[in-house]
N, C-alpha and C. Protein backbone atom coordinates (compact mmCIF):
# COMPACT_ATOMS: atom_id res chain seq x y z
N UNK A 1 0.83 -1.19 0.03
CA UNK A 1 0.01 -0.03 0.01
C UNK A 1 0.88 1.28 -0.02
N UNK A 2 0.54 2.22 -0.77
CA UNK A 2 1.24 3.51 -0.86
C UNK A 2 0.62 4.60 0.04
N UNK A 3 1.35 5.68 0.22
CA UNK A 3 0.73 6.83 0.91
C UNK A 3 -0.19 7.61 -0.10
N UNK A 4 -0.93 8.50 0.47
CA UNK A 4 -1.82 9.34 -0.34
C UNK A 4 -1.35 10.81 -0.48
N UNK A 5 -0.06 10.94 -0.28
CA UNK A 5 0.54 12.29 -0.53
C UNK A 5 0.77 12.98 0.83
N UNK A 6 1.05 14.27 0.70
CA UNK A 6 1.40 15.12 1.93
C UNK A 6 0.11 15.55 2.56
N UNK A 7 0.03 15.19 3.87
CA UNK A 7 -1.15 15.49 4.74
C UNK A 7 -0.81 16.85 5.41
N UNK A 8 0.41 17.06 5.90
CA UNK A 8 0.70 18.19 6.66
C UNK A 8 2.19 18.48 6.72
N UNK A 9 2.52 19.68 7.23
CA UNK A 9 3.90 20.02 7.61
C UNK A 9 3.84 20.35 9.10
N UNK A 10 4.68 19.69 9.86
CA UNK A 10 4.70 19.85 11.27
C UNK A 10 6.01 20.69 11.58
N UNK A 11 5.80 21.87 12.23
CA UNK A 11 6.93 22.72 12.55
C UNK A 11 6.98 22.96 13.98
N UNK A 12 8.22 22.90 14.52
CA UNK A 12 8.43 23.32 15.91
C UNK A 12 9.00 24.70 15.86
N UNK A 13 8.70 25.54 16.86
CA UNK A 13 9.09 26.91 16.93
C UNK A 13 9.44 27.31 18.40
N UNK A 14 10.16 28.36 18.56
CA UNK A 14 10.37 28.94 19.89
C UNK A 14 9.40 29.97 20.23
N UNK A 15 8.61 30.43 19.20
CA UNK A 15 7.55 31.42 19.52
C UNK A 15 6.32 31.20 18.64
N UNK A 16 5.35 30.51 19.23
CA UNK A 16 4.05 30.13 18.57
C UNK A 16 3.43 31.40 17.96
N UNK A 17 3.27 32.46 18.71
CA UNK A 17 2.57 33.60 18.19
C UNK A 17 3.24 34.20 17.00
N UNK A 18 4.51 34.45 16.95
CA UNK A 18 5.19 35.02 15.80
C UNK A 18 5.15 34.10 14.64
N UNK A 19 5.32 32.80 14.79
CA UNK A 19 5.25 31.82 13.69
C UNK A 19 3.84 31.73 13.14
N UNK A 20 2.82 31.74 13.99
CA UNK A 20 1.45 31.74 13.49
C UNK A 20 1.14 32.91 12.65
N UNK A 21 1.61 34.14 13.17
CA UNK A 21 1.38 35.39 12.50
C UNK A 21 2.07 35.37 11.11
N UNK A 22 3.27 34.82 11.05
CA UNK A 22 4.01 34.69 9.79
C UNK A 22 3.16 33.97 8.77
N UNK A 23 2.56 32.81 9.16
CA UNK A 23 1.80 32.01 8.26
C UNK A 23 0.45 32.71 7.88
N UNK A 24 -0.13 33.41 8.88
CA UNK A 24 -1.36 34.08 8.58
C UNK A 24 -1.12 35.24 7.59
N UNK A 25 -0.02 35.91 7.67
CA UNK A 25 0.38 36.93 6.68
C UNK A 25 0.67 36.41 5.25
N UNK A 26 0.89 35.05 5.21
CA UNK A 26 1.11 34.37 3.93
C UNK A 26 -0.19 33.82 3.37
N UNK A 27 -1.30 34.06 4.07
CA UNK A 27 -2.66 33.59 3.59
C UNK A 27 -3.22 32.40 4.34
N UNK A 28 -2.53 31.88 5.36
CA UNK A 28 -3.07 30.70 6.07
C UNK A 28 -4.06 31.18 7.13
N UNK A 29 -5.11 30.44 7.42
CA UNK A 29 -6.08 30.76 8.33
C UNK A 29 -5.99 29.88 9.54
N UNK A 30 -6.12 30.36 10.70
CA UNK A 30 -6.00 29.57 11.99
C UNK A 30 -7.29 28.73 12.07
N UNK A 31 -7.10 27.44 12.13
CA UNK A 31 -8.23 26.50 12.27
C UNK A 31 -8.55 26.29 13.78
N UNK A 32 -7.45 26.05 14.55
CA UNK A 32 -7.62 26.01 16.03
C UNK A 32 -6.27 26.21 16.61
N UNK A 33 -6.28 26.62 17.88
CA UNK A 33 -5.10 26.67 18.68
C UNK A 33 -5.37 26.05 20.01
N UNK A 34 -4.30 25.59 20.61
CA UNK A 34 -4.37 24.94 21.95
C UNK A 34 -4.04 25.90 22.95
N UNK A 35 -4.11 25.51 24.28
CA UNK A 35 -3.74 26.35 25.40
C UNK A 35 -2.29 26.10 25.74
N UNK A 36 -1.58 25.39 24.87
CA UNK A 36 -0.15 25.11 25.23
C UNK A 36 0.81 25.43 24.09
N UNK A 37 0.53 26.49 23.32
CA UNK A 37 1.41 27.02 22.32
C UNK A 37 1.49 26.17 21.05
N UNK A 38 0.40 25.77 20.58
CA UNK A 38 0.36 24.99 19.29
C UNK A 38 -0.94 25.20 18.61
N UNK A 39 -0.95 24.87 17.37
CA UNK A 39 -2.25 25.03 16.59
C UNK A 39 -2.05 24.68 15.10
N UNK A 40 -3.14 24.61 14.47
CA UNK A 40 -3.25 24.24 13.03
C UNK A 40 -3.71 25.37 12.18
N UNK A 41 -2.98 25.58 11.05
CA UNK A 41 -3.33 26.60 10.08
C UNK A 41 -3.52 25.96 8.67
N UNK A 42 -4.40 26.53 7.88
CA UNK A 42 -4.63 25.94 6.56
C UNK A 42 -4.83 27.04 5.51
N UNK A 43 -4.36 26.74 4.32
CA UNK A 43 -4.55 27.68 3.23
C UNK A 43 -5.18 26.90 2.06
N UNK A 44 -6.47 27.02 1.87
CA UNK A 44 -7.19 26.37 0.81
C UNK A 44 -7.25 24.84 1.08
N UNK A 45 -7.19 24.04 0.01
CA UNK A 45 -7.36 22.57 0.15
C UNK A 45 -6.05 21.87 0.30
N UNK A 46 -4.94 22.56 0.39
CA UNK A 46 -3.64 21.93 0.47
C UNK A 46 -3.35 21.38 1.88
N UNK A 47 -2.18 20.82 2.08
CA UNK A 47 -1.78 20.31 3.39
C UNK A 47 -1.83 21.39 4.47
N UNK A 48 -2.18 21.04 5.67
CA UNK A 48 -2.21 21.98 6.75
C UNK A 48 -0.82 22.10 7.36
N UNK A 49 -0.65 23.24 8.08
CA UNK A 49 0.64 23.39 8.87
C UNK A 49 0.26 23.31 10.32
N UNK A 50 0.93 22.43 11.05
CA UNK A 50 0.73 22.38 12.54
C UNK A 50 2.00 22.90 13.13
N UNK A 51 1.85 23.84 14.08
CA UNK A 51 3.01 24.50 14.66
C UNK A 51 2.90 24.23 16.17
N UNK A 52 4.10 23.82 16.76
CA UNK A 52 4.23 23.54 18.21
C UNK A 52 5.34 24.25 18.77
N UNK A 53 5.08 24.98 19.80
CA UNK A 53 6.23 25.67 20.49
C UNK A 53 7.05 24.74 21.38
N UNK A 54 8.37 24.80 21.29
CA UNK A 54 9.25 24.03 22.03
C UNK A 54 10.21 24.91 22.95
N UNK A 55 10.74 24.39 24.01
CA UNK A 55 11.67 25.25 24.77
C UNK A 55 12.85 25.80 24.04
N UNK A 56 13.39 26.87 24.50
CA UNK A 56 14.52 27.52 23.83
C UNK A 56 15.76 26.68 23.76
N UNK A 57 15.96 25.67 24.69
CA UNK A 57 17.15 24.84 24.66
C UNK A 57 16.99 23.68 23.69
N UNK A 58 15.86 23.61 22.99
CA UNK A 58 15.67 22.50 22.03
C UNK A 58 15.64 23.08 20.61
N UNK A 59 16.38 22.48 19.71
CA UNK A 59 16.48 22.91 18.31
C UNK A 59 15.08 22.56 17.63
N UNK A 60 14.40 23.59 17.09
CA UNK A 60 13.14 23.36 16.35
C UNK A 60 13.32 22.38 15.18
N UNK A 61 12.46 21.52 15.03
CA UNK A 61 12.44 20.51 13.90
C UNK A 61 11.33 20.78 12.97
N UNK A 62 11.46 20.28 11.82
CA UNK A 62 10.42 20.27 10.79
C UNK A 62 10.20 18.87 10.23
N UNK A 63 8.97 18.45 10.06
CA UNK A 63 8.68 17.14 9.60
C UNK A 63 7.50 17.21 8.61
N UNK A 64 7.65 16.51 7.53
CA UNK A 64 6.55 16.38 6.54
C UNK A 64 5.79 15.14 6.98
N UNK A 65 4.42 15.29 6.96
CA UNK A 65 3.57 14.14 7.32
C UNK A 65 2.86 13.66 6.07
N UNK A 66 2.99 12.33 5.81
CA UNK A 66 2.38 11.65 4.68
C UNK A 66 1.15 10.87 5.13
N UNK A 67 0.05 11.07 4.31
CA UNK A 67 -1.17 10.33 4.72
C UNK A 67 -1.17 8.91 4.28
N UNK A 68 -1.62 8.07 5.27
CA UNK A 68 -1.77 6.62 5.01
C UNK A 68 -3.15 6.25 5.29
N UNK A 69 -3.87 5.62 4.32
CA UNK A 69 -5.31 5.35 4.57
C UNK A 69 -5.61 4.25 5.60
N UNK A 70 -4.63 3.31 5.75
CA UNK A 70 -4.89 2.14 6.72
C UNK A 70 -3.56 1.74 7.32
N UNK A 71 -3.40 1.96 8.54
CA UNK A 71 -2.08 1.59 9.24
C UNK A 71 -1.88 0.13 9.19
N UNK A 72 -2.91 -0.66 9.37
CA UNK A 72 -2.71 -2.12 9.42
C UNK A 72 -2.24 -2.74 8.09
N UNK A 73 -2.70 -2.11 7.02
CA UNK A 73 -2.32 -2.61 5.70
C UNK A 73 -1.00 -2.06 5.10
N UNK A 74 -0.45 -1.02 5.80
CA UNK A 74 0.75 -0.36 5.25
C UNK A 74 2.02 -1.13 5.60
N UNK A 75 2.85 -1.32 4.71
CA UNK A 75 4.25 -1.92 4.90
C UNK A 75 5.26 -1.00 4.29
N UNK A 76 6.18 -0.57 5.09
CA UNK A 76 7.35 0.31 4.61
C UNK A 76 8.21 -0.56 3.65
N UNK A 77 8.68 0.14 2.63
CA UNK A 77 9.56 -0.53 1.57
C UNK A 77 10.93 -0.67 2.17
N UNK A 78 11.78 -1.30 1.42
CA UNK A 78 13.19 -1.51 1.89
C UNK A 78 14.03 -0.25 1.97
N UNK A 79 13.66 0.85 1.25
CA UNK A 79 14.48 2.06 1.37
C UNK A 79 14.11 2.83 2.57
N UNK A 80 13.06 2.47 3.24
CA UNK A 80 12.69 3.26 4.43
C UNK A 80 13.00 2.45 5.74
N UNK A 81 13.68 3.13 6.64
CA UNK A 81 14.06 2.53 7.95
C UNK A 81 12.90 2.89 8.85
N UNK A 82 12.23 1.94 9.46
CA UNK A 82 11.15 2.19 10.43
C UNK A 82 11.82 2.58 11.72
N UNK A 83 11.61 3.87 12.21
CA UNK A 83 12.15 4.30 13.46
C UNK A 83 11.18 3.97 14.60
N UNK A 84 9.89 4.24 14.41
CA UNK A 84 8.89 3.85 15.35
C UNK A 84 7.66 3.31 14.52
N UNK A 85 7.13 2.19 14.92
CA UNK A 85 5.97 1.66 14.22
C UNK A 85 4.73 2.49 14.52
N UNK A 86 3.63 2.18 13.84
CA UNK A 86 2.38 2.95 14.09
C UNK A 86 2.03 2.84 15.56
N UNK A 87 1.80 3.99 16.18
CA UNK A 87 1.34 4.11 17.54
C UNK A 87 0.24 5.11 17.60
N UNK A 88 -0.71 4.90 18.57
CA UNK A 88 -1.75 5.85 18.78
C UNK A 88 -1.19 7.18 19.29
N UNK A 89 -1.77 8.27 18.80
CA UNK A 89 -1.30 9.59 19.29
C UNK A 89 -2.40 10.23 20.17
N UNK A 90 -2.02 11.22 20.90
CA UNK A 90 -2.94 11.94 21.77
C UNK A 90 -3.88 12.79 20.96
N UNK A 91 -3.68 12.93 19.68
CA UNK A 91 -4.60 13.75 18.84
C UNK A 91 -5.49 12.97 17.93
N UNK A 92 -5.59 11.65 18.24
CA UNK A 92 -6.62 10.78 17.54
C UNK A 92 -6.24 10.20 16.19
N UNK A 93 -4.94 9.94 16.00
CA UNK A 93 -4.49 9.21 14.80
C UNK A 93 -3.53 8.11 15.24
N UNK A 94 -2.99 7.40 14.27
CA UNK A 94 -1.85 6.52 14.44
C UNK A 94 -0.70 7.13 13.66
N UNK A 95 0.52 7.04 14.21
CA UNK A 95 1.62 7.67 13.54
C UNK A 95 2.84 6.75 13.58
N UNK A 96 3.51 6.67 12.44
CA UNK A 96 4.81 5.96 12.25
C UNK A 96 5.86 6.88 11.88
N UNK A 97 7.08 6.70 12.27
CA UNK A 97 8.17 7.52 11.82
C UNK A 97 9.18 6.61 11.04
N UNK A 98 9.53 7.11 9.88
CA UNK A 98 10.48 6.43 9.08
C UNK A 98 11.65 7.35 8.73
N UNK A 99 12.76 6.84 8.37
CA UNK A 99 14.00 7.61 8.00
C UNK A 99 14.27 7.24 6.51
N UNK A 100 14.53 8.29 5.80
CA UNK A 100 14.85 8.11 4.34
C UNK A 100 16.41 7.84 4.23
N UNK A 101 16.92 7.48 3.05
CA UNK A 101 18.32 7.17 2.86
C UNK A 101 19.26 8.20 3.28
N UNK A 102 18.80 9.50 3.30
CA UNK A 102 19.68 10.66 3.66
C UNK A 102 19.54 11.03 5.16
N UNK A 103 18.71 10.20 5.88
CA UNK A 103 18.70 10.46 7.33
C UNK A 103 17.61 11.31 7.85
N UNK A 104 16.75 11.87 6.81
CA UNK A 104 15.58 12.68 7.24
C UNK A 104 14.49 11.87 7.84
N UNK A 105 13.77 12.41 8.85
CA UNK A 105 12.62 11.68 9.40
C UNK A 105 11.32 12.16 8.78
N UNK A 106 10.45 11.21 8.54
CA UNK A 106 9.17 11.45 7.91
C UNK A 106 8.12 10.82 8.87
N UNK A 107 6.95 11.46 8.94
CA UNK A 107 5.86 10.94 9.70
C UNK A 107 4.77 10.37 8.75
N UNK A 108 4.34 9.26 9.04
CA UNK A 108 3.16 8.59 8.31
C UNK A 108 2.05 8.63 9.25
N UNK A 109 0.92 9.21 8.80
CA UNK A 109 -0.22 9.36 9.71
C UNK A 109 -1.44 8.64 9.16
N UNK A 110 -2.12 7.86 9.94
CA UNK A 110 -3.30 7.15 9.56
C UNK A 110 -4.44 7.37 10.49
N UNK A 111 -5.72 7.18 10.10
CA UNK A 111 -6.82 7.26 11.02
C UNK A 111 -6.65 6.31 12.16
N UNK A 112 -7.10 6.67 13.35
CA UNK A 112 -7.00 5.88 14.48
C UNK A 112 -7.86 4.55 14.44
N UNK A 113 -8.88 4.55 13.69
CA UNK A 113 -9.80 3.41 13.54
C UNK A 113 -9.28 2.23 12.82
N UNK A 114 -8.08 2.45 12.18
CA UNK A 114 -7.52 1.43 11.30
C UNK A 114 -6.38 0.71 12.04
């Protein structure tokens, strides 16, 4: 089974407010924000951007999230190193992390019901 393309871009930041404003000025609309420095923005029908604030002593990371329709049916190919298998998330999905041949991490996200 293949992925269904890019679902989202996950960004960590040291300043949620400034980063959210940056994306809003680029045409993204705030869909929701949490009470702990994170939230989701969207521009049209494309992938959403999820921003999460991290402490100053942590280097902000960026991860592209690929959509998987069924976690149970998905098998990573030989070019992908599975870093973490599909696990339930606190935000209602299942997520797997894989590493590409250049060492970049990618998130694969599936509905929790699968």
